[in-house]
């Protein structure tokens, strides 16, 4: 066999092997990836909407590339009974499907049922939600004037009552009240409540947002931004909420401690 012929054979061999090794790369270049935006609905009251909590959670998801689409139906002092009797809620649930729905009941009513049985109305609203939707229950915090309703002197009375409300369902508790207590015990120099000792401060709403984000995404909130913004109808920046750099890391650490 001549040297020239051997060289030709060698070149053909190399060419065939090169094509085989390159083909996966060509195929992978043609693969397209799409992000599925999860749809989330918040049902609650001022404890949910203070300091734009739903928008903060949405912005956290965008920062991490999750791009959640969040809607909320909230009203001051609303109970689950009020929501059940609201035609707008029924219209939303009939016309849209959500990946996650987060309930937040009036905190006092969870313990007293004085404004409608929480378990009953949770069941009524849940009956309109398909089984493919994961339901969550936002466990709020005990504030000073509520201690009179903690008749069993429990550490987390709201959480214990929610366990009874969701018993027998696949709903999950988001332990925000637990995180508030832990944070206040560790860092009493920072306020989680407004001057009314009831509604969340910017710190409180940010902590709740971190917990909800981590609860749904299974991702740590560590290193998320300390402020999130949108724009008004004139394109001007609007900040949903701002927390100080000093307290941000503490809030995120407590969120991780409670969530994971």
Protein backbone atom coordinates (compact mmCIF):
# COMPACT_ATOMS: atom_id res chain seq x y z
CA UNK A 1 0.00 0.00 0.00
CA UNK A 2 1.51 3.34 -1.06
CA UNK A 3 2.16 6.13 1.42
CA UNK A 4 -0.25 8.42 -0.44
CA UNK A 5 -3.05 5.86 -0.23
CA UNK A 6 -2.43 5.38 3.49
CA UNK A 7 -2.68 9.13 4.06
CA UNK A 8 -6.00 9.26 2.20
CA UNK A 9 -7.39 6.40 4.32
CA UNK A 10 -6.20 8.13 7.51
CA UNK A 11 -7.87 11.40 6.52
CA UNK A 12 -11.17 9.63 5.80
CA UNK A 13 -10.99 7.91 9.21
CA UNK A 14 -10.31 11.18 11.03
CA UNK A 15 -13.12 12.91 9.15
CA UNK A 16 -15.65 10.22 10.10
CA UNK A 17 -14.67 10.32 13.78
CA UNK A 18 -14.77 14.11 13.85
CA UNK A 19 -18.29 14.18 12.44
CA UNK A 20 -19.46 11.64 14.99
CA UNK A 21 -18.03 13.60 17.89
CA UNK A 22 -19.42 16.90 16.68
CA UNK A 23 -23.00 15.81 16.07
CA UNK A 24 -24.13 15.96 19.74
CA UNK A 25 -22.82 19.52 19.94
CA UNK A 26 -24.81 20.51 16.88
CA UNK A 27 -27.93 18.87 18.29
CA UNK A 28 -27.52 20.52 21.71
CA UNK A 29 -27.23 23.93 20.03
CA UNK A 30 -30.67 23.40 18.56
CA UNK A 31 -32.34 22.56 21.89
CA UNK A 32 -34.57 25.34 23.17
CA UNK A 33 -35.35 25.77 26.84
CA UNK A 34 -38.45 27.53 28.11
CA UNK A 35 -39.21 28.72 31.62
CA UNK A 36 -42.64 27.73 32.86
CA UNK A 37 -44.02 30.62 34.89
CA UNK A 38 -45.83 29.30 37.94
CA UNK A 39 -49.07 31.11 38.76
CA UNK A 40 -49.69 31.94 42.40
CA UNK A 41 -52.76 33.44 44.08
CA UNK A 42 -52.78 35.05 47.53
CA UNK A 43 -56.10 35.16 49.39
CA UNK A 44 -55.92 37.30 52.52
CA UNK A 45 -56.07 40.71 54.15
CA UNK A 46 -53.77 43.53 55.25
CA UNK A 47 -51.27 41.10 56.78
CA UNK A 48 -50.74 39.85 53.22
CA UNK A 49 -50.73 43.10 51.28
CA UNK A 50 -48.75 45.36 53.68
CA UNK A 51 -45.57 46.66 52.03
CA UNK A 52 -46.54 44.94 48.78
CA UNK A 53 -45.66 41.47 50.04
CA UNK A 54 -47.02 39.62 46.95
CA UNK A 55 -45.01 41.90 44.67
CA UNK A 56 -41.87 41.37 46.76
CA UNK A 57 -42.25 37.59 46.42
CA UNK A 58 -42.74 37.97 42.67
CA UNK A 59 -39.62 40.14 42.38
CA UNK A 60 -37.60 37.62 44.39
CA UNK A 61 -38.63 34.91 41.94
CA UNK A 62 -37.66 37.09 38.98
CA UNK A 63 -34.25 37.76 40.50
CA UNK A 64 -33.68 34.01 40.69
CA UNK A 65 -34.98 33.38 37.16
CA UNK A 66 -38.20 31.68 38.28
CA UNK A 67 -40.50 34.42 36.99
CA UNK A 68 -43.62 33.65 39.01
CA UNK A 69 -46.87 35.28 37.98
CA UNK A 70 -48.53 36.42 41.20
CA UNK A 71 -52.05 37.71 41.76
CA UNK A 72 -53.66 38.61 45.06
CA UNK A 73 -57.22 39.07 46.27
CA UNK A 74 -57.00 40.92 49.58
CA UNK A 75 -59.13 43.31 51.61
CA UNK A 76 -58.72 44.99 55.03
CA UNK A 77 -59.72 42.69 57.91
CA UNK A 78 -61.06 40.09 55.49
CA UNK A 79 -61.90 36.65 56.85
CA UNK A 80 -62.29 33.45 54.85
CA UNK A 81 -66.03 33.87 55.28
CA UNK A 82 -65.87 37.28 53.60
CA UNK A 83 -63.79 35.83 50.77
CA UNK A 84 -66.21 32.94 50.34
CA UNK A 85 -69.07 35.41 49.89
CA UNK A 86 -67.09 37.51 47.41
CA UNK A 87 -68.21 36.79 43.81
CA UNK A 88 -64.83 38.01 42.53
CA UNK A 89 -63.01 35.12 44.21
CA UNK A 90 -65.38 32.56 42.72
CA UNK A 91 -64.98 34.16 39.31
CA UNK A 92 -61.19 33.99 39.53
CA UNK A 93 -61.19 30.36 40.63
CA UNK A 94 -63.63 29.40 37.86
CA UNK A 95 -61.73 31.18 35.11
CA UNK A 96 -58.09 30.61 36.10
CA UNK A 97 -55.93 27.74 37.28
CA UNK A 98 -53.05 28.34 39.69
CA UNK A 99 -50.03 26.25 40.63
CA UNK A 100 -50.17 27.52 44.21
CA UNK A 101 -52.82 29.25 46.30
CA UNK A 102 -51.90 30.82 49.63
CA UNK A 103 -54.65 31.33 52.22
CA UNK A 104 -54.34 33.86 55.03
CA UNK A 105 -57.18 34.01 57.52
CA UNK A 106 -57.90 36.86 59.93
CA UNK A 107 -55.53 36.04 62.81
CA UNK A 108 -57.99 36.55 65.66
CA UNK A 109 -60.67 34.54 63.89
CA UNK A 110 -58.32 31.56 63.60
CA UNK A 111 -58.32 31.36 67.40
CA UNK A 112 -61.92 32.39 68.14
CA UNK A 113 -64.08 31.62 65.07
CA UNK A 114 -66.11 34.63 66.15
CA UNK A 115 -66.48 35.82 62.55
CA UNK A 116 -67.15 32.47 60.88
CA UNK A 117 -65.74 28.99 61.30
CA UNK A 118 -62.31 29.03 59.65
CA UNK A 119 -62.24 25.30 58.94
CA UNK A 120 -65.66 25.38 57.29
CA UNK A 121 -64.88 28.31 54.99
CA UNK A 122 -61.43 26.96 54.18
CA UNK A 123 -63.18 23.78 53.04
CA UNK A 124 -65.75 25.71 51.01
CA UNK A 125 -63.13 27.71 49.11
CA UNK A 126 -60.88 24.66 48.69
CA UNK A 127 -63.75 22.78 47.05
CA UNK A 128 -63.45 25.20 44.10
CA UNK A 129 -59.72 24.53 43.68
CA UNK A 130 -58.51 21.65 41.48
CA UNK A 131 -56.39 18.92 43.05
CA UNK A 132 -53.46 19.89 40.81
CA UNK A 133 -53.10 23.16 42.73
CA UNK A 134 -50.95 23.09 45.87
CA UNK A 135 -52.66 24.90 48.72
CA UNK A 136 -50.68 26.68 51.43
CA UNK A 137 -51.80 28.36 54.65
CA UNK A 138 -50.00 31.54 55.75
CA UNK A 139 -49.51 31.19 59.52
CA UNK A 140 -49.48 34.74 60.88
CA UNK A 141 -47.88 36.03 64.07
CA UNK A 142 -49.14 36.60 67.57
CA UNK A 143 -49.24 40.29 68.44
CA UNK A 144 -49.60 41.66 72.00
CA UNK A 145 -53.37 42.17 72.08
CA UNK A 146 -53.94 38.58 70.88
CA UNK A 147 -52.37 36.89 73.88
CA UNK A 148 -55.74 36.89 75.66
CA UNK A 149 -56.91 34.30 73.10
CA UNK A 150 -54.00 31.92 73.77
CA UNK A 151 -56.03 30.04 76.34
CA UNK A 152 -53.84 26.93 76.21
CA UNK A 153 -50.64 28.95 76.60
CA UNK A 154 -49.14 27.44 73.45
CA UNK A 155 -45.89 28.63 71.88
CA UNK A 156 -47.41 28.85 68.40
CA UNK A 157 -51.21 28.94 68.92
CA UNK A 158 -52.06 30.15 65.40
CA UNK A 159 -50.00 27.38 63.84
CA UNK A 160 -51.66 24.78 66.05
CA UNK A 161 -55.12 26.03 65.04
CA UNK A 162 -54.18 25.93 61.35
CA UNK A 163 -53.13 22.30 61.73
CA UNK A 164 -56.71 21.55 62.79
CA UNK A 165 -58.14 23.61 59.93
CA UNK A 166 -56.15 21.79 57.22
CA UNK A 167 -56.31 18.34 58.81
CA UNK A 168 -57.08 15.68 56.21
CA UNK A 169 -55.95 17.84 53.29
CA UNK A 170 -52.68 18.21 51.38
CA UNK A 171 -52.36 21.89 52.36
CA UNK A 172 -49.01 23.02 53.76
CA UNK A 173 -48.34 25.52 56.54
CA UNK A 174 -46.04 28.46 55.84
CA UNK A 175 -44.61 29.10 59.35
CA UNK A 176 -44.28 32.88 59.25
CA UNK A 177 -45.47 33.42 62.83
CA UNK A 178 -42.84 30.95 64.03
CA UNK A 179 -40.17 32.96 62.20
CA UNK A 180 -41.42 36.23 63.71
CA UNK A 181 -41.10 34.84 67.22
CA UNK A 182 -37.64 33.43 66.57
CA UNK A 183 -36.44 36.72 65.06
CA UNK A 184 -37.86 38.83 67.88
CA UNK A 185 -36.22 36.56 70.46
CA UNK A 186 -32.81 36.82 68.74
CA UNK A 187 -32.89 40.42 67.52
CA UNK A 188 -35.23 42.46 69.74
CA UNK A 189 -33.54 45.67 68.59
CA UNK A 190 -35.24 45.39 65.18
CA UNK A 191 -38.99 45.86 64.82
CA UNK A 192 -41.09 43.46 62.78
CA UNK A 193 -44.35 45.29 63.53
CA UNK A 194 -45.61 48.80 62.89
CA UNK A 195 -46.39 51.23 65.70
CA UNK A 196 -49.82 49.62 66.09
CA UNK A 197 -48.05 46.45 67.34
CA UNK A 198 -50.08 44.46 64.84
CA UNK A 199 -49.32 45.02 61.17
CA UNK A 200 -45.94 44.06 59.69
CA UNK A 201 -43.23 46.67 59.29
CA UNK A 202 -41.04 46.65 56.16
CA UNK A 203 -38.79 44.21 58.05
CA UNK A 204 -41.76 41.98 58.85
CA UNK A 205 -43.10 41.90 55.29
CA UNK A 206 -39.62 41.22 53.95
CA UNK A 207 -39.19 38.29 56.36
CA UNK A 208 -42.58 36.90 55.35
CA UNK A 209 -41.65 37.32 51.68
CA UNK A 210 -38.38 35.42 52.17
CA UNK A 211 -40.17 32.54 53.87
CA UNK A 212 -42.87 32.30 51.21
CA UNK A 213 -40.26 32.45 48.45
CA UNK A 214 -38.16 29.68 50.04
CA UNK A 215 -41.20 27.60 51.00
CA UNK A 216 -42.40 27.41 47.39
CA UNK A 217 -39.07 27.42 45.54
CA UNK A 218 -37.08 25.26 47.99
CA UNK A 219 -34.28 27.81 47.51
CA UNK A 220 -32.50 29.82 50.19
CA UNK A 221 -33.30 33.52 50.39
CA UNK A 222 -29.67 34.30 51.27
CA UNK A 223 -28.19 37.03 49.07
CA UNK A 224 -31.49 38.21 47.65
CA UNK A 225 -31.71 41.97 47.17
CA UNK A 226 -32.78 44.14 50.09
CA UNK A 227 -35.14 46.26 48.01
CA UNK A 228 -37.40 45.64 45.04
CA UNK A 229 -39.00 48.11 42.71
CA UNK A 230 -41.57 48.44 39.96
CA UNK A 231 -42.68 51.37 37.85
CA UNK A 232 -45.77 53.56 37.88
CA UNK A 233 -47.91 54.41 34.83
CA UNK A 234 -45.39 57.12 33.90
CA UNK A 235 -42.45 54.73 34.02
CA UNK A 236 -41.10 56.17 37.26
CA UNK A 237 -39.49 53.73 39.72
CA UNK A 238 -41.56 52.78 42.77
CA UNK A 239 -39.95 50.86 45.61
CA UNK A 240 -42.22 48.19 47.06
CA UNK A 241 -40.19 48.00 50.24
CA UNK A 242 -36.66 48.62 51.51
CA UNK A 243 -34.83 46.99 54.42
CA UNK A 244 -31.48 48.06 55.78
CA UNK A 245 -28.39 46.07 54.82
CA UNK A 246 -27.66 45.44 58.50
CA UNK A 247 -30.94 43.65 59.12
CA UNK A 248 -31.33 41.95 55.71
CA UNK A 249 -28.92 39.11 56.45
CA UNK A 250 -30.56 38.44 59.82
CA UNK A 251 -34.00 38.23 58.18
CA UNK A 252 -32.72 35.85 55.52
CA UNK A 253 -30.92 33.67 58.06
CA UNK A 254 -34.06 33.32 60.18
CA UNK A 255 -36.06 32.47 57.05
CA UNK A 256 -33.63 29.68 56.22
CA UNK A 257 -33.59 28.43 59.80
CA UNK A 258 -37.38 28.10 59.88
CA UNK A 259 -37.86 26.84 56.31
CA UNK A 260 -35.10 24.29 56.05
